[in-house]
Amino acid sequence: MTSNNLLTAVLVIAILGWIIYRQNQWRPFDPARMWRGPLVLGIVGVVLFASSDNAPAVHTVDIALLVFEGVLGLAVGALMGVLSKFSRQDGQLMVRTGVVASALWVVLIAVRIGVDVVAVDIGASAVVSVGAIIALLAVNRLGRMLVISTRAERLTGPRAMVRAD
């Protein structure tokens, strides 16, 4: 393992650890704050992917693997959103993803490792870049937030008020 690969692994583990910790804490549902994570990760991922000094050429197989990972990341994120729990504390809507949904990271990581192994074997070097990994995290967070936002709207929207009466 090269020092660059080790640095990448440490960076991804640190980001993932932070995400898992935060998604297991009850947090006020604040769409503006919750959308920042996917946005920042997405920007960082794209910038790292595009601006690398030795940016790999993107071939058709890279695109296919990136699309596959993106769809999987979005689906796993959406499932995390479905499994998320809501609560009210002092009138504030609270949300947390929880341990069961956090376990889905194992699925995403396992597939990611498998894709990396296949990509290296077939020469799809763009897929294994740090930028692609961080972009995958952003897509996952996006899927989660889309579902959580929809569910929160149902809990707080006008229809929720009518049902409460």
N, C-alpha and C. Protein backbone atom coordinates (compact mmCIF):
# COMPACT_ATOMS: atom_id res chain seq x y z
N MET A 1 0.86 -1.18 0.00
CA MET A 1 0.00 0.00 0.00
C MET A 1 0.89 1.23 0.00
N THR A 2 0.67 2.13 -0.93
CA THR A 2 1.46 3.34 -1.02
C THR A 2 1.00 4.34 0.04
N SER A 3 1.82 5.34 0.28
CA SER A 3 1.46 6.35 1.27
C SER A 3 0.23 7.13 0.82
N ASN A 4 0.06 7.31 -0.49
CA ASN A 4 -1.13 7.99 -1.01
C ASN A 4 -2.39 7.17 -0.74
N ASN A 5 -2.30 5.85 -0.94
CA ASN A 5 -3.45 4.98 -0.65
C ASN A 5 -3.77 4.98 0.84
N LEU A 6 -2.73 4.97 1.67
CA LEU A 6 -2.94 5.00 3.11
C LEU A 6 -3.60 6.31 3.53
N LEU A 7 -3.15 7.41 2.98
CA LEU A 7 -3.76 8.70 3.28
C LEU A 7 -5.21 8.73 2.84
N THR A 8 -5.50 8.18 1.67
CA THR A 8 -6.87 8.10 1.18
C THR A 8 -7.73 7.29 2.13
N ALA A 9 -7.24 6.14 2.55
CA ALA A 9 -7.99 5.27 3.47
C ALA A 9 -8.26 5.99 4.79
N VAL A 10 -7.27 6.65 5.33
CA VAL A 10 -7.44 7.38 6.59
C VAL A 10 -8.46 8.51 6.42
N LEU A 11 -8.38 9.24 5.32
CA LEU A 11 -9.32 10.33 5.05
C LEU A 11 -10.75 9.81 4.95
N VAL A 12 -10.94 8.75 4.19
CA VAL A 12 -12.28 8.20 4.01
C VAL A 12 -12.82 7.63 5.33
N ILE A 13 -11.99 6.94 6.09
CA ILE A 13 -12.42 6.39 7.38
C ILE A 13 -12.79 7.52 8.34
N ALA A 14 -12.02 8.60 8.33
CA ALA A 14 -12.33 9.73 9.20
C ALA A 14 -13.66 10.37 8.82
N ILE A 15 -13.88 10.60 7.54
CA ILE A 15 -15.14 11.19 7.09
C ILE A 15 -16.30 10.27 7.42
N LEU A 16 -16.13 8.99 7.14
CA LEU A 16 -17.19 8.02 7.40
C LEU A 16 -17.48 7.90 8.90
N GLY A 17 -16.44 7.89 9.71
CA GLY A 17 -16.64 7.85 11.17
C GLY A 17 -17.43 9.05 11.66
N TRP A 18 -17.10 10.22 11.13
CA TRP A 18 -17.80 11.45 11.51
C TRP A 18 -19.27 11.36 11.09
N ILE A 19 -19.52 10.88 9.88
CA ILE A 19 -20.89 10.75 9.37
C ILE A 19 -21.69 9.78 10.23
N ILE A 20 -21.11 8.61 10.52
CA ILE A 20 -21.83 7.61 11.32
C ILE A 20 -22.12 8.13 12.72
N TYR A 21 -21.15 8.79 13.32
CA TYR A 21 -21.38 9.37 14.65
C TYR A 21 -22.54 10.36 14.61
N ARG A 22 -22.50 11.28 13.66
CA ARG A 22 -23.54 12.31 13.58
C ARG A 22 -24.90 11.75 13.25
N GLN A 23 -24.97 10.75 12.38
CA GLN A 23 -26.28 10.24 12.01
C GLN A 23 -26.89 9.37 13.11
N ASN A 24 -26.13 9.04 14.14
CA ASN A 24 -26.67 8.28 15.26
C ASN A 24 -27.03 9.16 16.46
N GLN A 25 -26.89 10.46 16.31
CA GLN A 25 -27.27 11.41 17.35
C GLN A 25 -28.60 12.05 16.96
N TRP A 26 -29.46 12.29 17.94
CA TRP A 26 -30.69 13.03 17.66
C TRP A 26 -30.29 14.45 17.32
N ARG A 27 -30.73 14.92 16.17
CA ARG A 27 -30.42 16.27 15.70
C ARG A 27 -31.70 16.95 15.27
N PRO A 28 -31.80 18.26 15.51
CA PRO A 28 -32.98 18.97 15.01
C PRO A 28 -33.03 18.87 13.48
N PHE A 29 -34.23 18.66 12.95
CA PHE A 29 -34.37 18.64 11.51
C PHE A 29 -34.25 20.07 11.02
N ASP A 30 -33.15 20.36 10.38
CA ASP A 30 -32.85 21.68 9.84
C ASP A 30 -32.34 21.47 8.43
N PRO A 31 -33.26 21.57 7.44
CA PRO A 31 -32.87 21.27 6.06
C PRO A 31 -31.63 22.04 5.59
N ALA A 32 -31.53 23.31 5.95
CA ALA A 32 -30.39 24.10 5.48
C ALA A 32 -29.07 23.48 5.97
N ARG A 33 -29.04 23.07 7.22
CA ARG A 33 -27.82 22.46 7.76
C ARG A 33 -27.59 21.07 7.18
N MET A 34 -28.65 20.30 7.04
CA MET A 34 -28.51 18.91 6.61
C MET A 34 -28.10 18.80 5.13
N TRP A 35 -28.43 19.79 4.33
CA TRP A 35 -28.05 19.75 2.92
C TRP A 35 -26.60 20.15 2.71
N ARG A 36 -26.01 20.83 3.71
CA ARG A 36 -24.62 21.27 3.57
C ARG A 36 -23.64 20.12 3.40
N GLY A 37 -23.84 19.04 4.15
CA GLY A 37 -22.92 17.89 4.07
C GLY A 37 -22.81 17.33 2.66
N PRO A 38 -23.95 16.94 2.07
CA PRO A 38 -23.86 16.41 0.70
C PRO A 38 -23.27 17.43 -0.28
N LEU A 39 -23.63 18.70 -0.11
CA LEU A 39 -23.13 19.73 -1.02
C LEU A 39 -21.61 19.88 -0.90
N VAL A 40 -21.12 19.98 0.33
CA VAL A 40 -19.68 20.15 0.54
C VAL A 40 -18.92 18.92 0.05
N LEU A 41 -19.40 17.73 0.43
CA LEU A 41 -18.73 16.50 -0.03
C LEU A 41 -18.75 16.40 -1.55
N GLY A 42 -19.86 16.77 -2.17
CA GLY A 42 -19.96 16.72 -3.63
C GLY A 42 -18.97 17.66 -4.30
N ILE A 43 -18.88 18.87 -3.80
CA ILE A 43 -17.95 19.85 -4.37
C ILE A 43 -16.51 19.37 -4.19
N VAL A 44 -16.17 18.92 -2.98
CA VAL A 44 -14.82 18.44 -2.72
C VAL A 44 -14.50 17.24 -3.62
N GLY A 45 -15.44 16.31 -3.73
CA GLY A 45 -15.23 15.13 -4.58
C GLY A 45 -14.98 15.50 -6.02
N VAL A 46 -15.81 16.38 -6.57
CA VAL A 46 -15.67 16.78 -7.97
C VAL A 46 -14.36 17.54 -8.19
N VAL A 47 -14.03 18.44 -7.27
CA VAL A 47 -12.79 19.21 -7.41
C VAL A 47 -11.58 18.28 -7.35
N LEU A 48 -11.57 17.35 -6.39
CA LEU A 48 -10.46 16.40 -6.30
C LEU A 48 -10.38 15.51 -7.52
N PHE A 49 -11.53 15.10 -8.01
CA PHE A 49 -11.57 14.23 -9.19
C PHE A 49 -11.03 14.95 -10.42
N ALA A 50 -11.40 16.20 -10.58
CA ALA A 50 -11.05 16.95 -11.79
C ALA A 50 -9.68 17.62 -11.73
N SER A 51 -9.20 17.93 -10.54
CA SER A 51 -8.00 18.76 -10.45
C SER A 51 -6.73 18.01 -10.08
N SER A 52 -6.79 16.73 -9.99
CA SER A 52 -5.61 15.95 -9.65
C SER A 52 -4.52 16.20 -10.69
N ASP A 53 -3.28 16.34 -10.21
CA ASP A 53 -2.15 16.56 -11.13
C ASP A 53 -2.02 15.42 -12.14
N ASN A 54 -2.32 14.24 -11.67
CA ASN A 54 -2.26 13.09 -12.56
C ASN A 54 -3.66 12.51 -12.76
N ALA A 55 -4.59 13.41 -13.06
CA ALA A 55 -5.99 12.99 -13.25
C ALA A 55 -6.06 11.91 -14.32
N PRO A 56 -6.67 10.78 -13.95
CA PRO A 56 -6.74 9.69 -14.92
C PRO A 56 -7.73 10.00 -16.03
N ALA A 57 -7.48 9.42 -17.17
CA ALA A 57 -8.41 9.55 -18.29
C ALA A 57 -9.68 8.76 -17.94
N VAL A 58 -10.81 9.31 -18.30
CA VAL A 58 -12.08 8.65 -18.01
C VAL A 58 -12.54 7.92 -19.26
N HIS A 59 -12.68 6.61 -19.12
CA HIS A 59 -13.10 5.76 -20.22
C HIS A 59 -14.53 5.28 -19.99
N THR A 60 -15.10 4.62 -20.96
CA THR A 60 -16.47 4.13 -20.88
C THR A 60 -16.67 3.23 -19.67
N VAL A 61 -15.71 2.36 -19.39
CA VAL A 61 -15.86 1.46 -18.25
C VAL A 61 -15.83 2.24 -16.94
N ASP A 62 -15.04 3.32 -16.88
CA ASP A 62 -15.04 4.19 -15.70
C ASP A 62 -16.42 4.78 -15.49
N ILE A 63 -16.99 5.29 -16.56
CA ILE A 63 -18.32 5.91 -16.48
C ILE A 63 -19.36 4.89 -16.02
N ALA A 64 -19.30 3.69 -16.57
CA ALA A 64 -20.25 2.64 -16.18
C ALA A 64 -20.11 2.31 -14.70
N LEU A 65 -18.89 2.16 -14.22
CA LEU A 65 -18.68 1.85 -12.80
C LEU A 65 -19.08 3.02 -11.90
N LEU A 66 -18.79 4.24 -12.33
CA LEU A 66 -19.19 5.42 -11.55
C LEU A 66 -20.71 5.54 -11.48
N VAL A 67 -21.39 5.27 -12.58
CA VAL A 67 -22.86 5.31 -12.58
C VAL A 67 -23.41 4.22 -11.67
N PHE A 68 -22.85 3.01 -11.76
CA PHE A 68 -23.28 1.91 -10.89
C PHE A 68 -23.12 2.30 -9.43
N GLU A 69 -21.95 2.82 -9.08
CA GLU A 69 -21.71 3.24 -7.70
C GLU A 69 -22.64 4.37 -7.28
N GLY A 70 -22.88 5.31 -8.18
CA GLY A 70 -23.77 6.42 -7.88
C GLY A 70 -25.19 5.95 -7.60
N VAL A 71 -25.69 5.06 -8.43
CA VAL A 71 -27.05 4.53 -8.23
C VAL A 71 -27.12 3.75 -6.92
N LEU A 72 -26.11 2.92 -6.67
CA LEU A 72 -26.09 2.16 -5.42
C LEU A 72 -25.99 3.09 -4.22
N GLY A 73 -25.11 4.09 -4.30
CA GLY A 73 -24.97 5.04 -3.19
C GLY A 73 -26.26 5.79 -2.92
N LEU A 74 -26.94 6.20 -3.98
CA LEU A 74 -28.22 6.89 -3.84
C LEU A 74 -29.27 5.97 -3.21
N ALA A 75 -29.31 4.71 -3.67
CA ALA A 75 -30.29 3.75 -3.14
C ALA A 75 -30.03 3.43 -1.67
N VAL A 76 -28.77 3.23 -1.32
CA VAL A 76 -28.44 2.94 0.09
C VAL A 76 -28.75 4.16 0.95
N GLY A 77 -28.45 5.35 0.46
CA GLY A 77 -28.80 6.57 1.19
C GLY A 77 -30.29 6.72 1.38
N ALA A 78 -31.06 6.42 0.32
CA ALA A 78 -32.52 6.49 0.42
C ALA A 78 -33.03 5.49 1.44
N LEU A 79 -32.48 4.29 1.45
CA LEU A 79 -32.89 3.29 2.44
C LEU A 79 -32.53 3.76 3.85
N MET A 80 -31.40 4.41 4.01
CA MET A 80 -31.04 4.99 5.31
C MET A 80 -32.09 6.02 5.73
N GLY A 81 -32.54 6.81 4.76
CA GLY A 81 -33.58 7.79 5.05
C GLY A 81 -34.89 7.15 5.45
N VAL A 82 -35.24 6.04 4.80
CA VAL A 82 -36.46 5.31 5.14
C VAL A 82 -36.37 4.76 6.56
N LEU A 83 -35.19 4.27 6.94
CA LEU A 83 -35.00 3.68 8.26
C LEU A 83 -34.78 4.72 9.36
N SER A 84 -34.62 5.98 9.00
CA SER A 84 -34.39 7.03 9.99
C SER A 84 -35.60 7.20 10.90
N LYS A 85 -35.34 7.63 12.11
CA LYS A 85 -36.38 7.82 13.12
C LYS A 85 -36.58 9.31 13.36
N PHE A 86 -37.84 9.66 13.64
CA PHE A 86 -38.18 11.04 13.98
C PHE A 86 -38.72 11.08 15.40
N SER A 87 -38.53 12.21 16.03
CA SER A 87 -39.02 12.42 17.39
C SER A 87 -39.29 13.91 17.56
N ARG A 88 -40.10 14.23 18.55
CA ARG A 88 -40.31 15.65 18.89
C ARG A 88 -39.75 15.89 20.27
N GLN A 89 -38.94 16.92 20.37
CA GLN A 89 -38.39 17.33 21.67
C GLN A 89 -38.59 18.83 21.79
N ASP A 90 -39.33 19.22 22.79
CA ASP A 90 -39.65 20.64 23.00
C ASP A 90 -40.23 21.29 21.75
N GLY A 91 -41.09 20.55 21.05
CA GLY A 91 -41.75 21.06 19.86
C GLY A 91 -40.89 21.04 18.60
N GLN A 92 -39.66 20.64 18.73
CA GLN A 92 -38.72 20.60 17.60
C GLN A 92 -38.70 19.19 17.01
N LEU A 93 -38.80 19.08 15.69
CA LEU A 93 -38.70 17.79 15.02
C LEU A 93 -37.23 17.37 15.03
N MET A 94 -36.98 16.18 15.56
CA MET A 94 -35.63 15.64 15.65
C MET A 94 -35.54 14.42 14.74
N VAL A 95 -34.33 14.12 14.27
CA VAL A 95 -34.12 12.98 13.38
C VAL A 95 -32.78 12.33 13.69
N ARG A 96 -32.75 11.02 13.53
CA ARG A 96 -31.49 10.28 13.57
C ARG A 96 -31.63 9.06 12.69
N THR A 97 -30.53 8.66 12.11
CA THR A 97 -30.55 7.53 11.20
C THR A 97 -30.57 6.22 11.98
N GLY A 98 -29.79 6.12 13.01
CA GLY A 98 -29.80 4.93 13.86
C GLY A 98 -28.80 3.87 13.45
N VAL A 99 -28.65 2.91 14.33
CA VAL A 99 -27.64 1.86 14.18
C VAL A 99 -27.94 0.93 13.01
N VAL A 100 -29.19 0.52 12.86
CA VAL A 100 -29.54 -0.41 11.78
C VAL A 100 -29.24 0.20 10.42
N ALA A 101 -29.66 1.45 10.23
CA ALA A 101 -29.39 2.11 8.95
C ALA A 101 -27.89 2.37 8.77
N SER A 102 -27.21 2.65 9.85
CA SER A 102 -25.76 2.87 9.75
C SER A 102 -25.04 1.60 9.32
N ALA A 103 -25.60 0.44 9.64
CA ALA A 103 -25.00 -0.82 9.24
C ALA A 103 -24.97 -0.97 7.71
N LEU A 104 -25.82 -0.21 7.03
CA LEU A 104 -25.82 -0.25 5.56
C LEU A 104 -24.50 0.25 4.97
N TRP A 105 -23.73 0.98 5.78
CA TRP A 105 -22.42 1.42 5.31
C TRP A 105 -21.56 0.21 4.96
N VAL A 106 -21.74 -0.89 5.70
CA VAL A 106 -20.97 -2.11 5.43
C VAL A 106 -21.23 -2.57 3.99
N VAL A 107 -22.50 -2.53 3.58
CA VAL A 107 -22.85 -2.93 2.22
C VAL A 107 -22.17 -2.01 1.21
N LEU A 108 -22.28 -0.72 1.44
CA LEU A 108 -21.70 0.24 0.50
C LEU A 108 -20.18 0.10 0.42
N ILE A 109 -19.54 -0.09 1.57
CA ILE A 109 -18.08 -0.25 1.60
C ILE A 109 -17.66 -1.53 0.90
N ALA A 110 -18.39 -2.61 1.16
CA ALA A 110 -18.05 -3.89 0.52
C ALA A 110 -18.15 -3.79 -1.00
N VAL A 111 -19.21 -3.17 -1.48
CA VAL A 111 -19.37 -3.00 -2.93
C VAL A 111 -18.27 -2.09 -3.47
N ARG A 112 -17.97 -1.04 -2.73
CA ARG A 112 -16.92 -0.11 -3.15
C ARG A 112 -15.58 -0.82 -3.29
N ILE A 113 -15.25 -1.67 -2.32
CA ILE A 113 -13.99 -2.43 -2.38
C ILE A 113 -14.01 -3.37 -3.59
N GLY A 114 -15.14 -4.02 -3.80
CA GLY A 114 -15.26 -4.91 -4.96
C GLY A 114 -15.09 -4.16 -6.27
N VAL A 115 -15.70 -2.99 -6.37
CA VAL A 115 -15.56 -2.17 -7.58
C VAL A 115 -14.11 -1.75 -7.76
N ASP A 116 -13.44 -1.39 -6.67
CA ASP A 116 -12.02 -1.01 -6.78
C ASP A 116 -11.17 -2.16 -7.31
N VAL A 117 -11.42 -3.36 -6.79
CA VAL A 117 -10.65 -4.52 -7.23
C VAL A 117 -10.87 -4.76 -8.72
N VAL A 118 -12.12 -4.73 -9.13
CA VAL A 118 -12.44 -4.93 -10.55
C VAL A 118 -11.84 -3.81 -11.39
N ALA A 119 -11.98 -2.58 -10.92
CA ALA A 119 -11.48 -1.42 -11.68
C ALA A 119 -9.98 -1.51 -11.90
N VAL A 120 -9.24 -1.89 -10.87
CA VAL A 120 -7.79 -2.00 -11.00
C VAL A 120 -7.45 -3.10 -12.00
N ASP A 121 -8.17 -4.20 -11.93
CA ASP A 121 -7.91 -5.32 -12.85
C ASP A 121 -8.15 -4.95 -14.31
N ILE A 122 -9.13 -4.11 -14.56
CA ILE A 122 -9.46 -3.77 -15.95
C ILE A 122 -8.92 -2.41 -16.38
N GLY A 123 -8.17 -1.77 -15.48
CA GLY A 123 -7.52 -0.51 -15.85
C GLY A 123 -8.42 0.71 -15.78
N ALA A 124 -9.48 0.65 -15.02
CA ALA A 124 -10.39 1.79 -14.86
C ALA A 124 -9.90 2.63 -13.67
N SER A 125 -8.89 3.41 -13.91
CA SER A 125 -8.22 4.12 -12.81
C SER A 125 -8.99 5.32 -12.27
N ALA A 126 -9.89 5.89 -13.05
CA ALA A 126 -10.64 7.06 -12.57
C ALA A 126 -11.56 6.70 -11.41
N VAL A 127 -12.07 5.48 -11.40
CA VAL A 127 -13.02 5.05 -10.37
C VAL A 127 -12.36 4.96 -9.01
N VAL A 128 -11.08 4.66 -8.96
CA VAL A 128 -10.41 4.46 -7.68
C VAL A 128 -9.83 5.75 -7.10
N SER A 129 -10.11 6.88 -7.72
CA SER A 129 -9.56 8.14 -7.23
C SER A 129 -10.27 8.59 -5.95
N VAL A 130 -9.57 9.41 -5.17
CA VAL A 130 -10.13 9.94 -3.93
C VAL A 130 -11.39 10.75 -4.23
N GLY A 131 -11.36 11.51 -5.30
CA GLY A 131 -12.52 12.32 -5.67
C GLY A 131 -13.76 11.48 -5.91
N ALA A 132 -13.58 10.33 -6.57
CA ALA A 132 -14.72 9.45 -6.83
C ALA A 132 -15.28 8.87 -5.54
N ILE A 133 -14.41 8.54 -4.61
CA ILE A 133 -14.85 7.99 -3.31
C ILE A 133 -15.64 9.04 -2.54
N ILE A 134 -15.15 10.26 -2.49
CA ILE A 134 -15.83 11.32 -1.75
C ILE A 134 -17.14 11.70 -2.44
N ALA A 135 -17.15 11.68 -3.77
CA ALA A 135 -18.39 11.94 -4.50
C ALA A 135 -19.44 10.86 -4.19
N LEU A 136 -19.01 9.61 -4.03
CA LEU A 136 -19.92 8.53 -3.66
C LEU A 136 -20.54 8.81 -2.29
N LEU A 137 -19.74 9.28 -1.35
CA LEU A 137 -20.29 9.64 -0.04
C LEU A 137 -21.33 10.75 -0.18
N ALA A 138 -21.05 11.73 -1.04
CA ALA A 138 -21.99 12.83 -1.25
C ALA A 138 -23.30 12.33 -1.83
N VAL A 139 -23.23 11.43 -2.80
CA VAL A 139 -24.45 10.89 -3.42
C VAL A 139 -25.26 10.10 -2.39
N ASN A 140 -24.57 9.36 -1.55
CA ASN A 140 -25.26 8.62 -0.49
C ASN A 140 -25.99 9.58 0.45
N ARG A 141 -25.31 10.62 0.86
CA ARG A 141 -25.92 11.61 1.76
C ARG A 141 -27.10 12.29 1.08
N LEU A 142 -26.98 12.53 -0.21
CA LEU A 142 -28.06 13.14 -0.98
C LEU A 142 -29.31 12.25 -0.96
N GLY A 143 -29.12 10.96 -1.21
CA GLY A 143 -30.26 10.03 -1.17
C GLY A 143 -30.94 10.02 0.19
N ARG A 144 -30.14 10.02 1.24
CA ARG A 144 -30.68 10.04 2.60
C ARG A 144 -31.49 11.31 2.83
N MET A 145 -30.94 12.45 2.45
CA MET A 145 -31.61 13.72 2.70
C MET A 145 -32.88 13.88 1.88
N LEU A 146 -32.90 13.36 0.67
CA LEU A 146 -34.12 13.45 -0.13
C LEU A 146 -35.27 12.74 0.56
N VAL A 147 -35.01 11.56 1.08
CA VAL A 147 -36.06 10.79 1.76
C VAL A 147 -36.42 11.42 3.10
N ILE A 148 -35.44 11.81 3.87
CA ILE A 148 -35.72 12.43 5.18
C ILE A 148 -36.51 13.71 5.01
N SER A 149 -36.14 14.52 4.03
CA SER A 149 -36.87 15.78 3.80
C SER A 149 -38.32 15.52 3.42
N THR A 150 -38.55 14.52 2.57
CA THR A 150 -39.91 14.17 2.18
C THR A 150 -40.72 13.68 3.37
N ARG A 151 -40.09 12.83 4.18
CA ARG A 151 -40.78 12.31 5.36
C ARG A 151 -41.06 13.42 6.37
N ALA A 152 -40.11 14.33 6.55
CA ALA A 152 -40.29 15.43 7.50
C ALA A 152 -41.41 16.36 7.04
N GLU A 153 -41.49 16.58 5.74
CA GLU A 153 -42.56 17.42 5.19
C GLU A 153 -43.93 16.82 5.51
N ARG A 154 -44.04 15.52 5.42
CA ARG A 154 -45.30 14.86 5.75
C ARG A 154 -45.63 15.01 7.23
N LEU A 155 -44.60 15.04 8.07
CA LEU A 155 -44.82 15.16 9.51
C LEU A 155 -45.13 16.59 9.94
N THR A 156 -44.67 17.57 9.17
CA THR A 156 -44.81 18.97 9.58
C THR A 156 -45.68 19.80 8.65
N GLY A 157 -46.06 19.24 7.50
CA GLY A 157 -46.81 20.00 6.51
C GLY A 157 -48.25 20.25 6.93
N PRO A 158 -49.03 20.92 6.08
CA PRO A 158 -50.42 21.27 6.40
C PRO A 158 -51.28 20.05 6.71
N ARG A 159 -51.07 18.96 6.01
CA ARG A 159 -51.88 17.76 6.28
C ARG A 159 -51.61 17.21 7.66
N ALA A 160 -50.34 17.33 8.12
CA ALA A 160 -50.02 16.85 9.46
C ALA A 160 -50.80 17.65 10.50
N MET A 161 -50.98 18.95 10.25
CA MET A 161 -51.71 19.78 11.19
C MET A 161 -53.19 19.39 11.21
N VAL A 162 -53.75 19.09 10.05
CA VAL A 162 -55.16 18.71 9.98
C VAL A 162 -55.39 17.41 10.74
N ARG A 163 -54.48 16.46 10.59
CA ARG A 163 -54.62 15.19 11.29
C ARG A 163 -54.51 15.36 12.79
N ALA A 164 -53.70 16.30 13.23
CA ALA A 164 -53.53 16.51 14.66
C ALA A 164 -54.77 17.06 15.33
N ASP A 165 -55.66 17.72 14.56
CA ASP A 165 -56.86 18.31 15.14
C ASP A 165 -57.87 17.30 15.51
